[in-house]
N, C-alpha and C. Protein backbone atom coordinates (compact mmCIF):
# COMPACT_ATOMS: atom_id res chain seq x y z
N UNK A 1 1.30 22.01 -2.03
CA UNK A 1 0.09 21.34 -2.38
C UNK A 1 -0.20 21.56 -3.86
N UNK A 2 -0.32 20.49 -4.60
CA UNK A 2 -0.52 20.56 -6.03
C UNK A 2 -1.89 19.98 -6.38
N UNK A 3 -2.69 20.74 -7.10
CA UNK A 3 -4.00 20.24 -7.57
C UNK A 3 -4.91 19.89 -6.42
N UNK A 4 -4.80 20.52 -5.29
CA UNK A 4 -5.71 20.31 -4.18
C UNK A 4 -5.39 19.05 -3.37
N UNK A 5 -4.34 18.33 -3.70
CA UNK A 5 -3.97 17.15 -2.95
C UNK A 5 -2.84 17.47 -1.99
N UNK A 6 -2.96 16.98 -0.77
CA UNK A 6 -1.93 17.30 0.20
C UNK A 6 -0.93 16.17 0.41
N UNK A 7 -0.93 15.15 -0.45
CA UNK A 7 0.04 14.06 -0.40
C UNK A 7 0.77 13.97 -1.70
N UNK A 8 2.03 13.54 -1.61
CA UNK A 8 2.80 13.31 -2.81
C UNK A 8 2.26 12.05 -3.47
N UNK A 9 2.13 12.03 -4.76
CA UNK A 9 1.66 10.85 -5.46
C UNK A 9 0.22 10.91 -5.81
N UNK A 10 -0.21 9.94 -6.53
CA UNK A 10 -1.60 9.85 -7.01
C UNK A 10 -2.48 9.25 -5.92
N UNK A 11 -3.59 9.92 -5.64
CA UNK A 11 -4.55 9.38 -4.67
C UNK A 11 -5.69 8.78 -5.50
N UNK A 12 -5.89 7.48 -5.35
CA UNK A 12 -6.91 6.79 -6.16
C UNK A 12 -8.29 7.00 -5.56
N UNK A 13 -9.32 6.78 -6.41
CA UNK A 13 -10.67 6.87 -5.82
C UNK A 13 -10.85 5.75 -4.79
N UNK A 14 -11.76 5.94 -3.89
CA UNK A 14 -11.90 5.09 -2.72
C UNK A 14 -12.15 3.62 -3.07
N UNK A 15 -13.07 3.33 -3.95
CA UNK A 15 -13.38 1.93 -4.31
C UNK A 15 -12.19 1.25 -4.98
N UNK A 16 -11.53 1.94 -5.84
CA UNK A 16 -10.35 1.37 -6.52
C UNK A 16 -9.26 1.10 -5.50
N UNK A 17 -9.10 1.98 -4.54
CA UNK A 17 -8.10 1.82 -3.49
C UNK A 17 -8.37 0.58 -2.66
N UNK A 18 -9.64 0.37 -2.29
CA UNK A 18 -9.98 -0.82 -1.51
C UNK A 18 -9.73 -2.09 -2.31
N UNK A 19 -10.00 -2.07 -3.60
CA UNK A 19 -9.74 -3.23 -4.46
C UNK A 19 -8.26 -3.52 -4.52
N UNK A 20 -7.44 -2.49 -4.60
CA UNK A 20 -5.96 -2.68 -4.59
C UNK A 20 -5.51 -3.23 -3.24
N UNK A 21 -6.09 -2.76 -2.15
CA UNK A 21 -5.73 -3.28 -0.83
C UNK A 21 -6.01 -4.78 -0.75
N UNK A 22 -7.19 -5.18 -1.24
CA UNK A 22 -7.57 -6.62 -1.21
C UNK A 22 -6.57 -7.43 -2.05
N UNK A 23 -6.25 -6.93 -3.22
CA UNK A 23 -5.30 -7.64 -4.10
C UNK A 23 -3.93 -7.76 -3.44
N UNK A 24 -3.48 -6.67 -2.82
CA UNK A 24 -2.18 -6.67 -2.16
C UNK A 24 -2.16 -7.67 -0.99
N UNK A 25 -3.26 -7.72 -0.22
CA UNK A 25 -3.32 -8.67 0.92
C UNK A 25 -3.25 -10.11 0.42
N UNK A 26 -3.99 -10.42 -0.64
CA UNK A 26 -3.98 -11.76 -1.16
C UNK A 26 -2.64 -12.14 -1.72
N UNK A 27 -1.99 -11.23 -2.41
CA UNK A 27 -0.64 -11.52 -2.94
C UNK A 27 0.33 -11.73 -1.79
N UNK A 28 0.27 -10.93 -0.75
CA UNK A 28 1.16 -11.10 0.41
C UNK A 28 0.99 -12.49 0.98
N UNK A 29 -0.28 -12.92 1.14
CA UNK A 29 -0.52 -14.27 1.68
C UNK A 29 -0.08 -15.38 0.72
N UNK A 30 -0.45 -15.25 -0.56
CA UNK A 30 -0.22 -16.32 -1.52
C UNK A 30 1.26 -16.46 -1.91
N UNK A 31 1.98 -15.33 -1.98
CA UNK A 31 3.34 -15.37 -2.50
C UNK A 31 4.43 -15.20 -1.43
N UNK A 32 4.06 -14.65 -0.27
CA UNK A 32 5.13 -14.32 0.69
C UNK A 32 4.94 -14.93 2.08
N UNK A 33 3.75 -14.92 2.59
CA UNK A 33 3.55 -15.33 3.99
C UNK A 33 2.21 -16.06 4.12
N UNK A 34 2.17 -17.36 3.79
CA UNK A 34 0.92 -18.07 3.81
C UNK A 34 0.29 -18.29 5.20
N UNK A 35 1.07 -18.05 6.27
CA UNK A 35 0.44 -18.19 7.59
C UNK A 35 0.02 -16.88 8.24
N UNK A 36 -0.11 -15.83 7.41
CA UNK A 36 -0.63 -14.55 7.92
C UNK A 36 -2.12 -14.72 8.30
N UNK A 37 -2.53 -14.26 9.45
CA UNK A 37 -3.88 -14.40 9.91
C UNK A 37 -4.72 -13.14 9.64
N UNK A 38 -4.05 -11.96 9.69
CA UNK A 38 -4.77 -10.72 9.45
C UNK A 38 -3.84 -9.71 8.84
N UNK A 39 -4.40 -8.87 7.96
CA UNK A 39 -3.74 -7.70 7.43
C UNK A 39 -4.66 -6.52 7.68
N UNK A 40 -4.12 -5.50 8.37
CA UNK A 40 -4.89 -4.31 8.68
C UNK A 40 -4.22 -3.14 7.99
N UNK A 41 -4.93 -2.51 7.05
CA UNK A 41 -4.37 -1.36 6.34
C UNK A 41 -4.52 -0.12 7.18
N UNK A 42 -3.45 0.64 7.28
CA UNK A 42 -3.42 1.80 8.17
C UNK A 42 -3.69 3.12 7.47
N UNK A 43 -3.76 3.07 6.14
CA UNK A 43 -4.04 4.25 5.35
C UNK A 43 -4.39 3.82 3.94
N UNK A 44 -4.86 4.74 3.09
CA UNK A 44 -5.09 4.44 1.73
C UNK A 44 -3.74 4.39 1.01
N UNK A 45 -3.67 3.58 -0.03
CA UNK A 45 -2.44 3.43 -0.78
C UNK A 45 -2.20 4.56 -1.76
N UNK A 46 -0.97 4.67 -2.23
CA UNK A 46 -0.57 5.71 -3.18
C UNK A 46 0.38 5.15 -4.22
N UNK A 47 0.48 5.84 -5.31
CA UNK A 47 1.54 5.65 -6.28
C UNK A 47 2.52 6.80 -6.07
N UNK A 48 3.66 6.54 -5.45
CA UNK A 48 4.53 7.62 -4.97
C UNK A 48 5.25 8.45 -6.02
N UNK A 49 5.21 8.07 -7.25
CA UNK A 49 5.88 8.87 -8.25
C UNK A 49 5.75 8.26 -9.64
N UNK A 50 6.18 8.98 -10.61
CA UNK A 50 6.11 8.52 -12.01
C UNK A 50 6.79 7.18 -12.19
N UNK A 51 6.07 6.21 -12.64
CA UNK A 51 6.63 4.88 -12.91
C UNK A 51 6.68 3.98 -11.69
N UNK A 52 6.32 4.50 -10.52
CA UNK A 52 6.35 3.67 -9.31
C UNK A 52 5.07 2.84 -9.20
N UNK A 53 5.19 1.72 -8.53
CA UNK A 53 4.02 0.86 -8.32
C UNK A 53 3.23 1.34 -7.09
N UNK A 54 1.93 1.07 -7.16
CA UNK A 54 1.04 1.38 -6.03
C UNK A 54 1.47 0.61 -4.82
N UNK A 55 1.39 1.22 -3.64
CA UNK A 55 1.76 0.55 -2.39
C UNK A 55 0.96 1.09 -1.24
N UNK A 56 0.97 0.38 -0.11
CA UNK A 56 0.17 0.79 1.04
C UNK A 56 0.81 0.28 2.33
N UNK A 57 0.64 1.04 3.38
CA UNK A 57 1.13 0.63 4.71
C UNK A 57 0.10 -0.25 5.40
N UNK A 58 0.56 -1.29 6.10
CA UNK A 58 -0.32 -2.20 6.78
C UNK A 58 0.38 -2.81 7.97
N UNK A 59 -0.44 -3.50 8.76
CA UNK A 59 0.10 -4.31 9.88
C UNK A 59 -0.36 -5.75 9.59
N UNK A 60 0.60 -6.65 9.51
CA UNK A 60 0.33 -8.08 9.26
C UNK A 60 0.50 -8.84 10.57
N UNK A 61 -0.48 -9.62 10.90
CA UNK A 61 -0.42 -10.49 12.10
C UNK A 61 -0.05 -11.92 11.65
N UNK A 62 1.12 -12.35 12.15
CA UNK A 62 1.62 -13.69 11.86
C UNK A 62 1.93 -14.32 13.21
N UNK A 63 1.30 -15.46 13.49
CA UNK A 63 1.45 -16.05 14.83
C UNK A 63 0.78 -15.11 15.81
N UNK A 64 1.48 -14.78 16.85
CA UNK A 64 0.98 -13.85 17.85
C UNK A 64 1.62 -12.45 17.71
N UNK A 65 2.34 -12.22 16.62
CA UNK A 65 3.08 -10.98 16.49
C UNK A 65 2.54 -10.13 15.31
N UNK A 66 2.70 -8.80 15.47
CA UNK A 66 2.32 -7.86 14.42
C UNK A 66 3.59 -7.31 13.79
N UNK A 67 3.57 -7.18 12.44
CA UNK A 67 4.67 -6.69 11.67
C UNK A 67 4.22 -5.51 10.84
N UNK A 68 4.98 -4.43 10.82
CA UNK A 68 4.72 -3.28 9.93
C UNK A 68 5.18 -3.73 8.53
N UNK A 69 4.35 -3.51 7.53
CA UNK A 69 4.68 -3.89 6.15
C UNK A 69 4.23 -2.81 5.19
N UNK A 70 4.93 -2.76 4.08
CA UNK A 70 4.51 -1.97 2.95
C UNK A 70 4.31 -2.97 1.81
N UNK A 71 3.08 -3.08 1.34
CA UNK A 71 2.78 -4.06 0.31
C UNK A 71 2.05 -3.45 -0.87
N UNK A 72 2.09 -4.15 -1.98
CA UNK A 72 1.37 -3.75 -3.18
C UNK A 72 1.26 -4.97 -4.08
N UNK A 73 0.31 -4.97 -4.99
CA UNK A 73 0.11 -6.14 -5.84
C UNK A 73 1.28 -6.40 -6.79
N UNK A 74 2.11 -5.40 -7.05
CA UNK A 74 3.19 -5.57 -8.04
C UNK A 74 4.58 -5.40 -7.42
N UNK A 75 4.68 -5.44 -6.10
CA UNK A 75 6.00 -5.28 -5.48
C UNK A 75 6.17 -6.31 -4.32
N UNK A 76 7.40 -6.68 -4.06
CA UNK A 76 7.64 -7.57 -2.88
C UNK A 76 7.40 -6.74 -1.63
N UNK A 77 7.08 -7.41 -0.52
CA UNK A 77 6.83 -6.66 0.70
C UNK A 77 8.09 -5.98 1.25
N UNK A 78 7.86 -4.84 1.88
CA UNK A 78 8.93 -4.16 2.59
C UNK A 78 8.59 -4.14 4.07
N UNK A 79 9.63 -4.23 4.88
CA UNK A 79 9.45 -4.25 6.35
C UNK A 79 10.22 -3.06 6.90
N UNK A 80 9.56 -1.90 7.03
CA UNK A 80 10.28 -0.66 7.41
C UNK A 80 10.99 -0.71 8.74
N UNK A 81 10.55 -1.55 9.66
CA UNK A 81 11.24 -1.63 10.96
C UNK A 81 12.35 -2.64 10.95
N UNK A 82 12.47 -3.41 9.86
CA UNK A 82 13.46 -4.47 9.76
C UNK A 82 13.05 -5.77 10.43
N UNK A 83 11.91 -5.78 11.15
CA UNK A 83 11.40 -6.90 11.83
C UNK A 83 10.55 -7.72 10.85
N UNK A 84 11.01 -8.93 10.53
CA UNK A 84 10.31 -9.76 9.55
C UNK A 84 9.88 -11.07 10.17
N UNK A 85 8.72 -11.61 9.72
CA UNK A 85 8.32 -12.91 10.23
C UNK A 85 9.23 -13.99 9.68
N UNK A 86 9.36 -15.08 10.46
CA UNK A 86 10.18 -16.20 9.97
C UNK A 86 9.41 -16.93 8.84
N UNK A 87 10.09 -17.87 8.25
CA UNK A 87 9.50 -18.60 7.14
C UNK A 87 8.22 -19.31 7.63
N UNK A 88 7.24 -19.33 6.78
CA UNK A 88 5.95 -19.89 7.14
C UNK A 88 6.06 -21.40 7.41
N UNK A 89 5.45 -21.84 8.50
CA UNK A 89 5.46 -23.26 8.86
C UNK A 89 4.17 -23.94 8.47
N UNK A 90 3.12 -23.15 8.33
CA UNK A 90 1.80 -23.71 7.95
C UNK A 90 1.04 -22.64 7.22
N UNK A 91 -0.08 -23.07 6.63
CA UNK A 91 -0.94 -22.13 5.95
C UNK A 91 -2.15 -21.82 6.85
N UNK A 92 -2.43 -20.56 7.00
CA UNK A 92 -3.58 -20.15 7.81
C UNK A 92 -4.86 -20.50 7.04
N UNK A 93 -5.86 -21.03 7.72
CA UNK A 93 -7.10 -21.39 7.06
C UNK A 93 -7.92 -20.20 6.55
N UNK A 94 -7.69 -19.03 7.14
CA UNK A 94 -8.43 -17.85 6.71
C UNK A 94 -7.58 -16.63 6.92
N UNK A 95 -7.94 -15.57 6.23
CA UNK A 95 -7.24 -14.28 6.32
C UNK A 95 -8.27 -13.21 6.53
N UNK A 96 -8.12 -12.46 7.60
CA UNK A 96 -9.01 -11.30 7.84
C UNK A 96 -8.30 -10.09 7.26
N UNK A 97 -9.02 -9.39 6.38
CA UNK A 97 -8.50 -8.15 5.77
C UNK A 97 -9.31 -7.00 6.33
N UNK A 98 -8.65 -6.10 7.03
CA UNK A 98 -9.30 -4.88 7.54
C UNK A 98 -8.82 -3.74 6.69
N UNK A 99 -9.75 -3.12 5.92
CA UNK A 99 -9.42 -2.07 4.96
C UNK A 99 -9.19 -0.75 5.70
N UNK A 100 -8.59 0.17 4.97
CA UNK A 100 -8.27 1.48 5.55
C UNK A 100 -9.51 2.27 6.00
N UNK A 101 -10.68 1.92 5.51
CA UNK A 101 -11.90 2.62 5.90
C UNK A 101 -12.60 1.92 7.09
N UNK A 102 -11.97 0.87 7.63
CA UNK A 102 -12.51 0.17 8.79
C UNK A 102 -13.40 -1.01 8.43
N UNK A 103 -13.80 -1.19 7.19
CA UNK A 103 -14.57 -2.34 6.77
C UNK A 103 -13.62 -3.53 6.76
N UNK A 104 -14.18 -4.75 6.77
CA UNK A 104 -13.33 -5.94 6.76
C UNK A 104 -14.06 -7.11 6.10
N UNK A 105 -13.25 -8.08 5.74
CA UNK A 105 -13.80 -9.35 5.21
C UNK A 105 -12.86 -10.46 5.60
N UNK A 106 -13.38 -11.68 5.61
CA UNK A 106 -12.55 -12.86 5.89
C UNK A 106 -12.52 -13.68 4.60
N UNK A 107 -11.29 -14.01 4.19
CA UNK A 107 -11.07 -14.79 2.96
C UNK A 107 -10.55 -16.14 3.34
N UNK A 108 -11.14 -17.16 2.79
CA UNK A 108 -10.70 -18.54 3.11
C UNK A 108 -9.89 -19.09 2.00
């Protein structure tokens, strides 16, 4: 444990972390998966090392299925289980973002 933090990497302040989560969710929808209906963040994001981009674990709901994803505003999505949604067939009219603190918003 270094500097009182029990996780590797930089832990951002809470409000900045939520803003990064929102940005990451919108980028995932706009650039990678326009038919995502919900993104639920499962933890606060981190910058895992010197020069690395901020990232966060989430669950993305596409169609009727949930996918484990690692997303960030400056990185392409990663699918740690290897299970990826197929190419988007339509654009979802809204996106529900559930933040790591349990708060949520709907973006149209």
